[in-house]
Amino acid sequence: MLLRTLIGAGFAVLVLGSPITKAGPANIQSDVDAATVTPAKATPLGLYLTPQEAHRALTENPDILFIDVRDPIEVTFIGHAEGVDKIIPVGIATREVDPETGQYRMAANQDFVANVDEFVAAQGKTKTDPIIVSCRSGSRSALAARKLIDAGYTNVWNLVEGFEGDKAPDGTRKSNGWRNAHLPWTYKLAHGVAW
């Protein structure tokens, strides 16, 4: 079984069998095989978590930062994982509708990395501390992770199924994801979580 283990200082190590452990602030374990991650959800660091793995890591170490990168309106109407530390959108819905998709077009949040930098610093963390990023299904969070990695972050984990999960054949999002795994979620934002 392929196992990815995060060792405190932010280094990813591939091992077979039991995880290697060192003293440090976080030990995140994942069984996600990077070869199975679609290009849209892939990141240069290759650090991926299922919702169950993310929930376990966050429960075992509440100091891990957990950022939801969806548009705040989406979060308002769909809900979010309990324990999210901050909503920092990587993209913001516009009033323009894409004629091909019938969906509102998204505009990049030009201040995304600066917003994350500010939040990370306010939490007393650095670019080497673990951050889990989440969106609806894992694609926008991969985009967010790539932006952060390009800015020097070395410990960014993509929640590959996101909050709602991938589309089922009927177009609904009911096959995987945080909410479909029956993990704790809510509509209510805790103090300080809003963007």
N, C-alpha and C. Protein backbone atom coordinates (compact mmCIF):
# COMPACT_ATOMS: atom_id res chain seq x y z
N MET A 1 0.85 -1.17 0.00
CA MET A 1 0.00 0.00 0.00
C MET A 1 0.89 1.24 0.00
N LEU A 2 0.60 2.16 -0.90
CA LEU A 2 1.35 3.40 -0.97
C LEU A 2 0.81 4.34 0.08
N LEU A 3 1.69 4.94 0.84
CA LEU A 3 1.27 5.83 1.92
C LEU A 3 2.08 7.10 1.86
N ARG A 4 1.41 8.24 1.90
CA ARG A 4 2.09 9.53 1.97
C ARG A 4 1.99 9.99 3.42
N THR A 5 3.10 10.40 3.95
CA THR A 5 3.12 10.88 5.32
C THR A 5 3.76 12.24 5.36
N LEU A 6 3.13 13.17 6.04
CA LEU A 6 3.71 14.48 6.26
C LEU A 6 4.49 14.41 7.56
N ILE A 7 5.72 14.86 7.51
CA ILE A 7 6.53 14.90 8.70
C ILE A 7 6.70 16.35 9.09
N GLY A 8 6.38 16.66 10.32
CA GLY A 8 6.36 17.97 10.93
C GLY A 8 6.82 19.16 10.12
N ALA A 9 8.03 19.19 9.65
CA ALA A 9 8.57 20.38 8.99
C ALA A 9 8.03 20.59 7.60
N GLY A 10 7.21 19.69 7.10
CA GLY A 10 6.57 19.91 5.82
C GLY A 10 7.17 19.14 4.68
N PHE A 11 7.82 18.04 4.93
CA PHE A 11 8.39 17.24 3.87
C PHE A 11 7.49 16.05 3.61
N ALA A 12 7.22 15.75 2.34
CA ALA A 12 6.44 14.58 1.99
C ALA A 12 7.41 13.44 1.72
N VAL A 13 7.11 12.28 2.28
CA VAL A 13 7.98 11.13 2.11
C VAL A 13 7.12 9.97 1.65
N LEU A 14 7.53 9.29 0.59
CA LEU A 14 6.82 8.11 0.12
C LEU A 14 7.43 6.90 0.81
N VAL A 15 6.60 6.09 1.41
CA VAL A 15 7.09 4.89 2.06
C VAL A 15 6.13 3.75 1.77
N LEU A 16 6.63 2.55 1.90
CA LEU A 16 5.78 1.38 1.81
C LEU A 16 5.62 0.84 3.22
N GLY A 17 4.42 0.49 3.58
CA GLY A 17 4.19 -0.07 4.90
C GLY A 17 3.86 1.01 5.92
N SER A 18 4.47 0.91 7.09
CA SER A 18 4.16 1.81 8.19
C SER A 18 4.72 3.21 7.95
N PRO A 19 4.02 4.23 8.46
CA PRO A 19 4.51 5.59 8.29
C PRO A 19 5.75 5.85 9.14
N ILE A 20 6.59 6.73 8.61
CA ILE A 20 7.74 7.21 9.37
C ILE A 20 7.23 8.37 10.21
N THR A 21 7.63 8.45 11.47
CA THR A 21 7.17 9.57 12.29
C THR A 21 8.36 10.29 12.89
N LYS A 22 8.20 11.58 13.08
CA LYS A 22 9.18 12.42 13.75
C LYS A 22 8.40 13.37 14.64
N ALA A 23 9.10 13.91 15.61
CA ALA A 23 8.45 14.91 16.46
C ALA A 23 8.15 16.13 15.60
N GLY A 24 6.99 16.69 15.77
CA GLY A 24 6.62 17.87 15.00
C GLY A 24 5.18 18.21 15.23
N PRO A 25 4.73 19.32 14.67
CA PRO A 25 3.38 19.79 14.94
C PRO A 25 2.28 19.02 14.24
N ALA A 26 2.61 18.25 13.20
CA ALA A 26 1.54 17.58 12.48
C ALA A 26 2.05 16.30 11.84
N ASN A 27 1.19 15.33 11.79
CA ASN A 27 1.49 14.08 11.11
C ASN A 27 0.25 13.73 10.31
N ILE A 28 0.27 14.04 9.02
CA ILE A 28 -0.89 13.82 8.17
C ILE A 28 -0.62 12.58 7.32
N GLN A 29 -1.55 11.65 7.35
CA GLN A 29 -1.39 10.43 6.57
C GLN A 29 -2.48 10.34 5.52
N SER A 30 -2.09 9.83 4.35
CA SER A 30 -3.03 9.70 3.25
C SER A 30 -2.74 8.43 2.46
N ASP A 31 -3.79 7.76 2.05
CA ASP A 31 -3.68 6.60 1.17
C ASP A 31 -4.03 6.94 -0.26
N VAL A 32 -4.22 8.23 -0.58
CA VAL A 32 -4.56 8.63 -1.94
C VAL A 32 -3.35 8.38 -2.83
N ASP A 33 -3.55 7.59 -3.88
CA ASP A 33 -2.51 7.30 -4.85
C ASP A 33 -2.47 8.46 -5.84
N ALA A 34 -1.37 9.20 -5.86
CA ALA A 34 -1.25 10.37 -6.74
C ALA A 34 -1.50 10.02 -8.20
N ALA A 35 -1.22 8.78 -8.61
CA ALA A 35 -1.43 8.37 -10.00
C ALA A 35 -2.91 8.34 -10.36
N THR A 36 -3.79 8.30 -9.38
CA THR A 36 -5.24 8.24 -9.65
C THR A 36 -5.89 9.63 -9.63
N VAL A 37 -5.12 10.66 -9.27
CA VAL A 37 -5.67 12.01 -9.18
C VAL A 37 -5.73 12.62 -10.58
N THR A 38 -6.89 13.13 -10.96
CA THR A 38 -7.05 13.73 -12.28
C THR A 38 -6.19 14.99 -12.40
N PRO A 39 -5.80 15.35 -13.63
CA PRO A 39 -4.98 16.55 -13.81
C PRO A 39 -5.61 17.81 -13.20
N ALA A 40 -6.93 17.93 -13.25
CA ALA A 40 -7.59 19.11 -12.69
C ALA A 40 -7.42 19.21 -11.18
N LYS A 41 -7.18 18.08 -10.52
CA LYS A 41 -7.05 18.07 -9.05
C LYS A 41 -5.60 17.90 -8.60
N ALA A 42 -4.68 17.78 -9.55
CA ALA A 42 -3.28 17.52 -9.22
C ALA A 42 -2.56 18.80 -8.81
N THR A 43 -1.54 18.63 -7.96
CA THR A 43 -0.70 19.74 -7.53
C THR A 43 0.76 19.31 -7.61
N PRO A 44 1.68 20.26 -7.72
CA PRO A 44 3.10 19.90 -7.80
C PRO A 44 3.63 19.14 -6.58
N LEU A 45 3.06 19.38 -5.40
CA LEU A 45 3.53 18.68 -4.20
C LEU A 45 2.98 17.26 -4.11
N GLY A 46 1.87 17.00 -4.79
CA GLY A 46 1.28 15.66 -4.75
C GLY A 46 0.75 15.27 -3.38
N LEU A 47 0.25 16.24 -2.62
CA LEU A 47 -0.29 15.97 -1.28
C LEU A 47 -1.81 16.02 -1.36
N TYR A 48 -2.45 14.85 -1.16
CA TYR A 48 -3.89 14.72 -1.35
C TYR A 48 -4.52 14.01 -0.15
N LEU A 49 -5.74 14.43 0.17
CA LEU A 49 -6.50 13.81 1.26
C LEU A 49 -7.92 13.55 0.83
N THR A 50 -8.47 12.44 1.31
CA THR A 50 -9.91 12.22 1.23
C THR A 50 -10.54 13.01 2.37
N PRO A 51 -11.85 13.22 2.33
CA PRO A 51 -12.49 13.89 3.46
C PRO A 51 -12.26 13.17 4.80
N GLN A 52 -12.33 11.85 4.78
CA GLN A 52 -12.14 11.10 6.03
C GLN A 52 -10.73 11.31 6.57
N GLU A 53 -9.73 11.31 5.69
CA GLU A 53 -8.35 11.52 6.13
C GLU A 53 -8.15 12.94 6.65
N ALA A 54 -8.75 13.92 5.96
CA ALA A 54 -8.65 15.31 6.41
C ALA A 54 -9.31 15.47 7.78
N HIS A 55 -10.50 14.89 7.94
CA HIS A 55 -11.20 14.99 9.22
C HIS A 55 -10.36 14.38 10.34
N ARG A 56 -9.77 13.22 10.06
CA ARG A 56 -8.93 12.57 11.08
C ARG A 56 -7.73 13.46 11.43
N ALA A 57 -7.05 14.00 10.42
CA ALA A 57 -5.89 14.86 10.66
C ALA A 57 -6.27 16.10 11.46
N LEU A 58 -7.38 16.72 11.10
CA LEU A 58 -7.82 17.93 11.79
C LEU A 58 -8.28 17.63 13.22
N THR A 59 -8.86 16.47 13.42
CA THR A 59 -9.28 16.07 14.77
C THR A 59 -8.06 15.79 15.64
N GLU A 60 -7.08 15.12 15.07
CA GLU A 60 -5.87 14.78 15.83
C GLU A 60 -4.98 16.00 16.05
N ASN A 61 -5.03 16.97 15.14
CA ASN A 61 -4.19 18.15 15.28
C ASN A 61 -4.96 19.39 14.82
N PRO A 62 -5.71 20.02 15.73
CA PRO A 62 -6.52 21.19 15.37
C PRO A 62 -5.70 22.41 14.94
N ASP A 63 -4.36 22.35 15.10
CA ASP A 63 -3.52 23.46 14.66
C ASP A 63 -3.31 23.49 13.15
N ILE A 64 -3.68 22.42 12.45
CA ILE A 64 -3.58 22.42 10.99
C ILE A 64 -4.59 23.43 10.46
N LEU A 65 -4.15 24.29 9.56
CA LEU A 65 -5.06 25.28 8.98
C LEU A 65 -5.92 24.63 7.90
N PHE A 66 -7.21 24.99 7.90
CA PHE A 66 -8.18 24.42 6.97
C PHE A 66 -8.89 25.58 6.29
N ILE A 67 -8.64 25.74 4.98
CA ILE A 67 -9.16 26.88 4.23
C ILE A 67 -10.11 26.40 3.14
N ASP A 68 -11.30 27.00 3.10
CA ASP A 68 -12.28 26.73 2.05
C ASP A 68 -12.10 27.84 1.01
N VAL A 69 -11.86 27.48 -0.25
CA VAL A 69 -11.55 28.47 -1.28
C VAL A 69 -12.72 28.77 -2.20
N ARG A 70 -13.93 28.37 -1.80
CA ARG A 70 -15.12 28.65 -2.62
C ARG A 70 -15.59 30.09 -2.43
N ASP A 71 -16.39 30.56 -3.37
CA ASP A 71 -17.03 31.86 -3.28
C ASP A 71 -17.90 31.89 -2.01
N PRO A 72 -17.89 32.99 -1.27
CA PRO A 72 -18.67 33.05 -0.03
C PRO A 72 -20.17 32.78 -0.22
N ILE A 73 -20.73 33.17 -1.34
CA ILE A 73 -22.16 32.92 -1.58
C ILE A 73 -22.41 31.42 -1.71
N GLU A 74 -21.52 30.72 -2.40
CA GLU A 74 -21.63 29.26 -2.50
C GLU A 74 -21.60 28.63 -1.12
N VAL A 75 -20.69 29.08 -0.29
CA VAL A 75 -20.59 28.56 1.07
C VAL A 75 -21.88 28.83 1.84
N THR A 76 -22.45 30.02 1.66
CA THR A 76 -23.69 30.38 2.36
C THR A 76 -24.83 29.44 2.02
N PHE A 77 -24.99 29.11 0.74
CA PHE A 77 -26.14 28.30 0.33
C PHE A 77 -25.91 26.80 0.36
N ILE A 78 -24.66 26.35 0.28
CA ILE A 78 -24.36 24.92 0.24
C ILE A 78 -23.88 24.40 1.59
N GLY A 79 -23.27 25.27 2.40
CA GLY A 79 -22.70 24.85 3.67
C GLY A 79 -21.21 24.61 3.55
N HIS A 80 -20.60 24.26 4.67
CA HIS A 80 -19.16 24.02 4.69
C HIS A 80 -18.82 23.04 5.80
N ALA A 81 -17.62 22.50 5.72
CA ALA A 81 -17.16 21.56 6.73
C ALA A 81 -17.01 22.28 8.06
N GLU A 82 -17.44 21.64 9.13
CA GLU A 82 -17.17 22.19 10.46
C GLU A 82 -15.67 22.14 10.68
N GLY A 83 -15.15 23.17 11.29
CA GLY A 83 -13.72 23.22 11.55
C GLY A 83 -12.95 24.03 10.54
N VAL A 84 -13.61 24.53 9.50
CA VAL A 84 -12.93 25.40 8.54
C VAL A 84 -12.45 26.63 9.31
N ASP A 85 -11.19 26.98 9.10
CA ASP A 85 -10.63 28.13 9.79
C ASP A 85 -10.92 29.45 9.09
N LYS A 86 -10.99 29.41 7.75
CA LYS A 86 -11.19 30.64 7.00
C LYS A 86 -11.74 30.34 5.62
N ILE A 87 -12.62 31.22 5.15
CA ILE A 87 -13.10 31.20 3.77
C ILE A 87 -12.25 32.24 3.04
N ILE A 88 -11.46 31.79 2.07
CA ILE A 88 -10.67 32.71 1.24
C ILE A 88 -10.87 32.26 -0.20
N PRO A 89 -11.77 32.92 -0.93
CA PRO A 89 -12.07 32.46 -2.29
C PRO A 89 -10.91 32.63 -3.26
N VAL A 90 -10.68 31.59 -4.05
CA VAL A 90 -9.70 31.68 -5.13
C VAL A 90 -10.34 32.34 -6.34
N GLY A 91 -11.66 32.29 -6.42
CA GLY A 91 -12.43 32.92 -7.48
C GLY A 91 -13.75 33.43 -6.94
N ILE A 92 -14.28 34.46 -7.58
CA ILE A 92 -15.52 35.08 -7.12
C ILE A 92 -16.50 35.10 -8.27
N ALA A 93 -17.75 34.71 -8.00
CA ALA A 93 -18.77 34.70 -9.05
C ALA A 93 -19.04 36.11 -9.55
N THR A 94 -19.18 36.22 -10.87
CA THR A 94 -19.53 37.50 -11.48
C THR A 94 -21.02 37.49 -11.78
N ARG A 95 -21.50 38.54 -12.42
CA ARG A 95 -22.90 38.58 -12.85
C ARG A 95 -23.07 38.09 -14.28
N GLU A 96 -21.96 37.68 -14.91
CA GLU A 96 -22.00 37.19 -16.28
C GLU A 96 -22.25 35.70 -16.29
N VAL A 97 -23.10 35.26 -17.22
CA VAL A 97 -23.39 33.84 -17.35
C VAL A 97 -22.66 33.30 -18.58
N ASP A 98 -21.98 32.20 -18.40
CA ASP A 98 -21.30 31.54 -19.50
C ASP A 98 -22.36 30.82 -20.33
N PRO A 99 -22.52 31.17 -21.62
CA PRO A 99 -23.58 30.56 -22.42
C PRO A 99 -23.41 29.05 -22.63
N GLU A 100 -22.16 28.58 -22.58
CA GLU A 100 -21.94 27.14 -22.77
C GLU A 100 -22.34 26.32 -21.55
N THR A 101 -22.00 26.82 -20.38
CA THR A 101 -22.28 26.05 -19.16
C THR A 101 -23.58 26.44 -18.48
N GLY A 102 -24.07 27.66 -18.77
CA GLY A 102 -25.26 28.14 -18.09
C GLY A 102 -24.99 28.50 -16.63
N GLN A 103 -23.72 28.68 -16.29
CA GLN A 103 -23.31 29.00 -14.92
C GLN A 103 -22.70 30.40 -14.89
N TYR A 104 -22.73 31.01 -13.71
CA TYR A 104 -22.05 32.30 -13.57
C TYR A 104 -20.56 32.11 -13.79
N ARG A 105 -19.96 33.04 -14.49
CA ARG A 105 -18.51 33.02 -14.69
C ARG A 105 -17.83 33.43 -13.38
N MET A 106 -16.65 32.88 -13.21
CA MET A 106 -15.86 33.21 -12.03
C MET A 106 -14.74 34.17 -12.44
N ALA A 107 -14.42 35.10 -11.56
CA ALA A 107 -13.28 36.00 -11.74
C ALA A 107 -12.26 35.64 -10.67
N ALA A 108 -11.01 35.63 -11.04
CA ALA A 108 -9.96 35.29 -10.09
C ALA A 108 -9.91 36.33 -8.97
N ASN A 109 -9.71 35.85 -7.75
CA ASN A 109 -9.44 36.73 -6.62
C ASN A 109 -7.96 37.10 -6.73
N GLN A 110 -7.68 38.29 -7.23
CA GLN A 110 -6.30 38.72 -7.43
C GLN A 110 -5.51 38.80 -6.13
N ASP A 111 -6.20 38.88 -5.02
CA ASP A 111 -5.55 38.99 -3.71
C ASP A 111 -5.51 37.67 -2.95
N PHE A 112 -5.79 36.56 -3.65
CA PHE A 112 -5.89 35.27 -2.96
C PHE A 112 -4.63 34.96 -2.14
N VAL A 113 -3.48 34.98 -2.76
CA VAL A 113 -2.25 34.62 -2.04
C VAL A 113 -2.00 35.62 -0.91
N ALA A 114 -2.20 36.91 -1.17
CA ALA A 114 -2.02 37.92 -0.12
C ALA A 114 -2.99 37.68 1.04
N ASN A 115 -4.24 37.31 0.72
CA ASN A 115 -5.22 37.00 1.77
C ASN A 115 -4.77 35.82 2.62
N VAL A 116 -4.25 34.77 1.95
CA VAL A 116 -3.75 33.59 2.68
C VAL A 116 -2.53 33.97 3.50
N ASP A 117 -1.60 34.72 2.91
CA ASP A 117 -0.41 35.16 3.64
C ASP A 117 -0.81 35.87 4.94
N GLU A 118 -1.74 36.78 4.83
CA GLU A 118 -2.19 37.55 5.99
C GLU A 118 -2.81 36.63 7.05
N PHE A 119 -3.66 35.72 6.60
CA PHE A 119 -4.30 34.79 7.54
C PHE A 119 -3.28 33.88 8.21
N VAL A 120 -2.37 33.32 7.42
CA VAL A 120 -1.36 32.42 7.96
C VAL A 120 -0.51 33.15 9.01
N ALA A 121 -0.07 34.36 8.70
CA ALA A 121 0.73 35.14 9.64
C ALA A 121 -0.06 35.45 10.91
N ALA A 122 -1.34 35.78 10.76
CA ALA A 122 -2.18 36.08 11.93
C ALA A 122 -2.35 34.87 12.85
N GLN A 123 -2.21 33.67 12.28
CA GLN A 123 -2.33 32.45 13.07
C GLN A 123 -0.98 32.03 13.67
N GLY A 124 0.06 32.82 13.41
CA GLY A 124 1.40 32.50 13.91
C GLY A 124 2.04 31.35 13.17
N LYS A 125 1.64 31.13 11.93
CA LYS A 125 2.15 30.04 11.11
C LYS A 125 3.08 30.57 10.03
N THR A 126 3.75 29.65 9.34
CA THR A 126 4.63 30.01 8.23
C THR A 126 4.24 29.21 6.99
N LYS A 127 4.96 29.42 5.92
CA LYS A 127 4.68 28.74 4.66
C LYS A 127 5.04 27.25 4.70
N THR A 128 5.68 26.80 5.77
CA THR A 128 6.01 25.38 5.89
C THR A 128 5.00 24.62 6.74
N ASP A 129 4.10 25.33 7.40
CA ASP A 129 3.08 24.67 8.22
C ASP A 129 1.99 24.08 7.33
N PRO A 130 1.37 22.97 7.77
CA PRO A 130 0.35 22.32 6.93
C PRO A 130 -0.91 23.14 6.76
N ILE A 131 -1.40 23.14 5.53
CA ILE A 131 -2.66 23.78 5.18
C ILE A 131 -3.45 22.79 4.34
N ILE A 132 -4.71 22.59 4.69
CA ILE A 132 -5.62 21.79 3.87
C ILE A 132 -6.55 22.75 3.16
N VAL A 133 -6.66 22.62 1.83
CA VAL A 133 -7.55 23.48 1.06
C VAL A 133 -8.70 22.64 0.49
N SER A 134 -9.88 23.26 0.48
CA SER A 134 -11.08 22.56 0.04
C SER A 134 -11.92 23.47 -0.83
N CYS A 135 -12.67 22.86 -1.76
CA CYS A 135 -13.65 23.57 -2.56
C CYS A 135 -14.86 22.64 -2.72
N ARG A 136 -15.57 22.72 -3.81
CA ARG A 136 -16.73 21.86 -4.02
C ARG A 136 -16.32 20.43 -4.31
N SER A 137 -15.34 20.24 -5.25
CA SER A 137 -15.01 18.88 -5.68
C SER A 137 -13.51 18.60 -5.79
N GLY A 138 -12.66 19.58 -5.50
CA GLY A 138 -11.22 19.35 -5.53
C GLY A 138 -10.47 20.04 -6.64
N SER A 139 -11.16 20.63 -7.61
CA SER A 139 -10.47 21.29 -8.72
C SER A 139 -10.04 22.72 -8.37
N ARG A 140 -10.96 23.52 -7.82
CA ARG A 140 -10.58 24.88 -7.44
C ARG A 140 -9.56 24.86 -6.30
N SER A 141 -9.68 23.89 -5.40
CA SER A 141 -8.70 23.80 -4.32
C SER A 141 -7.33 23.42 -4.88
N ALA A 142 -7.28 22.63 -5.95
CA ALA A 142 -6.00 22.33 -6.60
C ALA A 142 -5.42 23.60 -7.22
N LEU A 143 -6.27 24.40 -7.86
CA LEU A 143 -5.82 25.68 -8.40
C LEU A 143 -5.27 26.55 -7.28
N ALA A 144 -5.98 26.61 -6.17
CA ALA A 144 -5.53 27.40 -5.01
C ALA A 144 -4.20 26.86 -4.49
N ALA A 145 -4.09 25.54 -4.40
CA ALA A 145 -2.85 24.93 -3.92
C ALA A 145 -1.69 25.29 -4.84
N ARG A 146 -1.92 25.23 -6.15
CA ARG A 146 -0.86 25.57 -7.10
C ARG A 146 -0.41 27.03 -6.92
N LYS A 147 -1.36 27.93 -6.70
CA LYS A 147 -1.01 29.34 -6.47
C LYS A 147 -0.17 29.48 -5.21
N LEU A 148 -0.55 28.78 -4.16
CA LEU A 148 0.20 28.87 -2.91
C LEU A 148 1.58 28.25 -3.04
N ILE A 149 1.66 27.13 -3.73
CA ILE A 149 2.96 26.47 -3.95
C ILE A 149 3.88 27.39 -4.76
N ASP A 150 3.32 28.04 -5.78
CA ASP A 150 4.10 28.99 -6.57
C ASP A 150 4.60 30.15 -5.72
N ALA A 151 3.86 30.46 -4.64
CA ALA A 151 4.24 31.56 -3.74
C ALA A 151 5.16 31.10 -2.61
N GLY A 152 5.58 29.83 -2.65
CA GLY A 152 6.55 29.34 -1.68
C GLY A 152 6.01 28.48 -0.56
N TYR A 153 4.71 28.16 -0.57
CA TYR A 153 4.15 27.26 0.45
C TYR A 153 4.60 25.84 0.14
N THR A 154 4.99 25.09 1.17
CA THR A 154 5.57 23.77 0.95
C THR A 154 4.79 22.62 1.56
N ASN A 155 3.60 22.90 2.10
CA ASN A 155 2.88 21.88 2.84
C ASN A 155 1.37 22.02 2.62
N VAL A 156 0.97 22.12 1.36
CA VAL A 156 -0.43 22.36 1.01
C VAL A 156 -1.07 21.06 0.53
N TRP A 157 -2.15 20.67 1.21
CA TRP A 157 -2.86 19.42 0.93
C TRP A 157 -4.19 19.72 0.25
N ASN A 158 -4.46 19.05 -0.86
CA ASN A 158 -5.72 19.23 -1.57
C ASN A 158 -6.72 18.18 -1.11
N LEU A 159 -7.90 18.64 -0.68
CA LEU A 159 -9.01 17.75 -0.34
C LEU A 159 -9.65 17.33 -1.67
N VAL A 160 -9.22 16.19 -2.22
CA VAL A 160 -9.51 15.85 -3.61
C VAL A 160 -10.99 15.60 -3.92
N GLU A 161 -11.79 15.30 -2.94
CA GLU A 161 -13.23 15.13 -3.20
C GLU A 161 -14.02 16.38 -2.85
N GLY A 162 -13.38 17.33 -2.20
CA GLY A 162 -14.04 18.58 -1.84
C GLY A 162 -15.18 18.39 -0.86
N PHE A 163 -16.00 19.43 -0.76
CA PHE A 163 -17.12 19.41 0.17
C PHE A 163 -18.31 18.62 -0.36
N GLU A 164 -18.66 18.85 -1.63
CA GLU A 164 -19.83 18.19 -2.21
C GLU A 164 -19.51 16.93 -2.99
N GLY A 165 -18.28 16.81 -3.47
CA GLY A 165 -17.89 15.62 -4.22
C GLY A 165 -18.02 15.77 -5.71
N ASP A 166 -17.65 14.70 -6.40
CA ASP A 166 -17.71 14.67 -7.86
C ASP A 166 -19.14 14.48 -8.34
N LYS A 167 -19.37 14.83 -9.61
CA LYS A 167 -20.70 14.64 -10.19
C LYS A 167 -20.98 13.16 -10.45
N ALA A 168 -22.16 12.74 -10.08
CA ALA A 168 -22.64 11.39 -10.42
C ALA A 168 -23.14 11.43 -11.86
N PRO A 169 -23.40 10.28 -12.47
CA PRO A 169 -23.88 10.26 -13.86
C PRO A 169 -25.14 11.11 -14.09
N ASP A 170 -25.97 11.27 -13.06
CA ASP A 170 -27.19 12.07 -13.24
C ASP A 170 -26.95 13.57 -13.01
N GLY A 171 -25.68 13.97 -12.80
CA GLY A 171 -25.35 15.38 -12.63
C GLY A 171 -25.38 15.88 -11.20
N THR A 172 -25.87 15.07 -10.28
CA THR A 172 -25.88 15.48 -8.88
C THR A 172 -24.54 15.15 -8.23
N ARG A 173 -24.32 15.74 -7.10
CA ARG A 173 -23.07 15.51 -6.35
C ARG A 173 -23.42 14.70 -5.11
N LYS A 174 -23.44 13.39 -5.32
CA LYS A 174 -23.85 12.52 -4.22
C LYS A 174 -22.95 11.30 -4.05
N SER A 175 -21.84 11.25 -4.82
CA SER A 175 -21.03 10.03 -4.79
C SER A 175 -19.90 10.06 -3.77
N ASN A 176 -19.36 11.23 -3.47
CA ASN A 176 -18.29 11.32 -2.50
C ASN A 176 -18.25 12.74 -1.95
N GLY A 177 -17.16 13.13 -1.30
CA GLY A 177 -17.06 14.47 -0.72
C GLY A 177 -17.34 14.47 0.77
N TRP A 178 -16.98 15.57 1.41
CA TRP A 178 -17.11 15.72 2.87
C TRP A 178 -18.54 15.48 3.33
N ARG A 179 -19.49 16.19 2.72
CA ARG A 179 -20.88 16.10 3.16
C ARG A 179 -21.45 14.70 2.93
N ASN A 180 -21.13 14.09 1.78
CA ASN A 180 -21.64 12.76 1.49
C ASN A 180 -20.97 11.67 2.32
N ALA A 181 -19.84 11.99 2.94
CA ALA A 181 -19.19 11.06 3.86
C ALA A 181 -19.79 11.17 5.26
N HIS A 182 -20.79 12.04 5.39
CA HIS A 182 -21.49 12.25 6.66
C HIS A 182 -20.56 12.76 7.75
N LEU A 183 -19.61 13.60 7.33
CA LEU A 183 -18.72 14.26 8.29
C LEU A 183 -19.39 15.55 8.76
N PRO A 184 -18.99 16.10 9.89
CA PRO A 184 -19.67 17.29 10.43
C PRO A 184 -19.60 18.48 9.48
N TRP A 185 -20.76 19.09 9.22
CA TRP A 185 -20.83 20.27 8.39
C TRP A 185 -21.94 21.17 8.88
N THR A 186 -21.94 22.40 8.40
CA THR A 186 -22.91 23.38 8.88
C THR A 186 -23.10 24.48 7.84
N TYR A 187 -24.15 25.26 8.04
CA TYR A 187 -24.35 26.48 7.25
C TYR A 187 -23.80 27.69 8.00
N LYS A 188 -23.70 27.57 9.31
CA LYS A 188 -23.34 28.70 10.17
C LYS A 188 -21.82 28.89 10.22
N LEU A 189 -21.40 30.12 9.99
CA LEU A 189 -19.98 30.46 10.06
C LEU A 189 -19.60 30.80 11.50
N ALA A 190 -18.53 30.18 11.97
CA ALA A 190 -18.01 30.53 13.29
C ALA A 190 -17.37 31.91 13.22
N HIS A 191 -17.21 32.55 14.34
CA HIS A 191 -16.60 33.88 14.40
C HIS A 191 -15.22 33.86 13.75
N GLY A 192 -14.97 34.82 12.85
CA GLY A 192 -13.67 34.95 12.22
C GLY A 192 -13.45 34.12 10.97
N VAL A 193 -14.39 33.25 10.63
CA VAL A 193 -14.22 32.36 9.47
C VAL A 193 -14.55 33.09 8.16
N ALA A 194 -15.49 34.02 8.20
CA ALA A 194 -15.91 34.72 6.97
C ALA A 194 -14.76 35.48 6.35
N TRP A 195 -14.79 35.59 5.03
CA TRP A 195 -13.76 36.28 4.26
C TRP A 195 -13.82 37.76 4.53
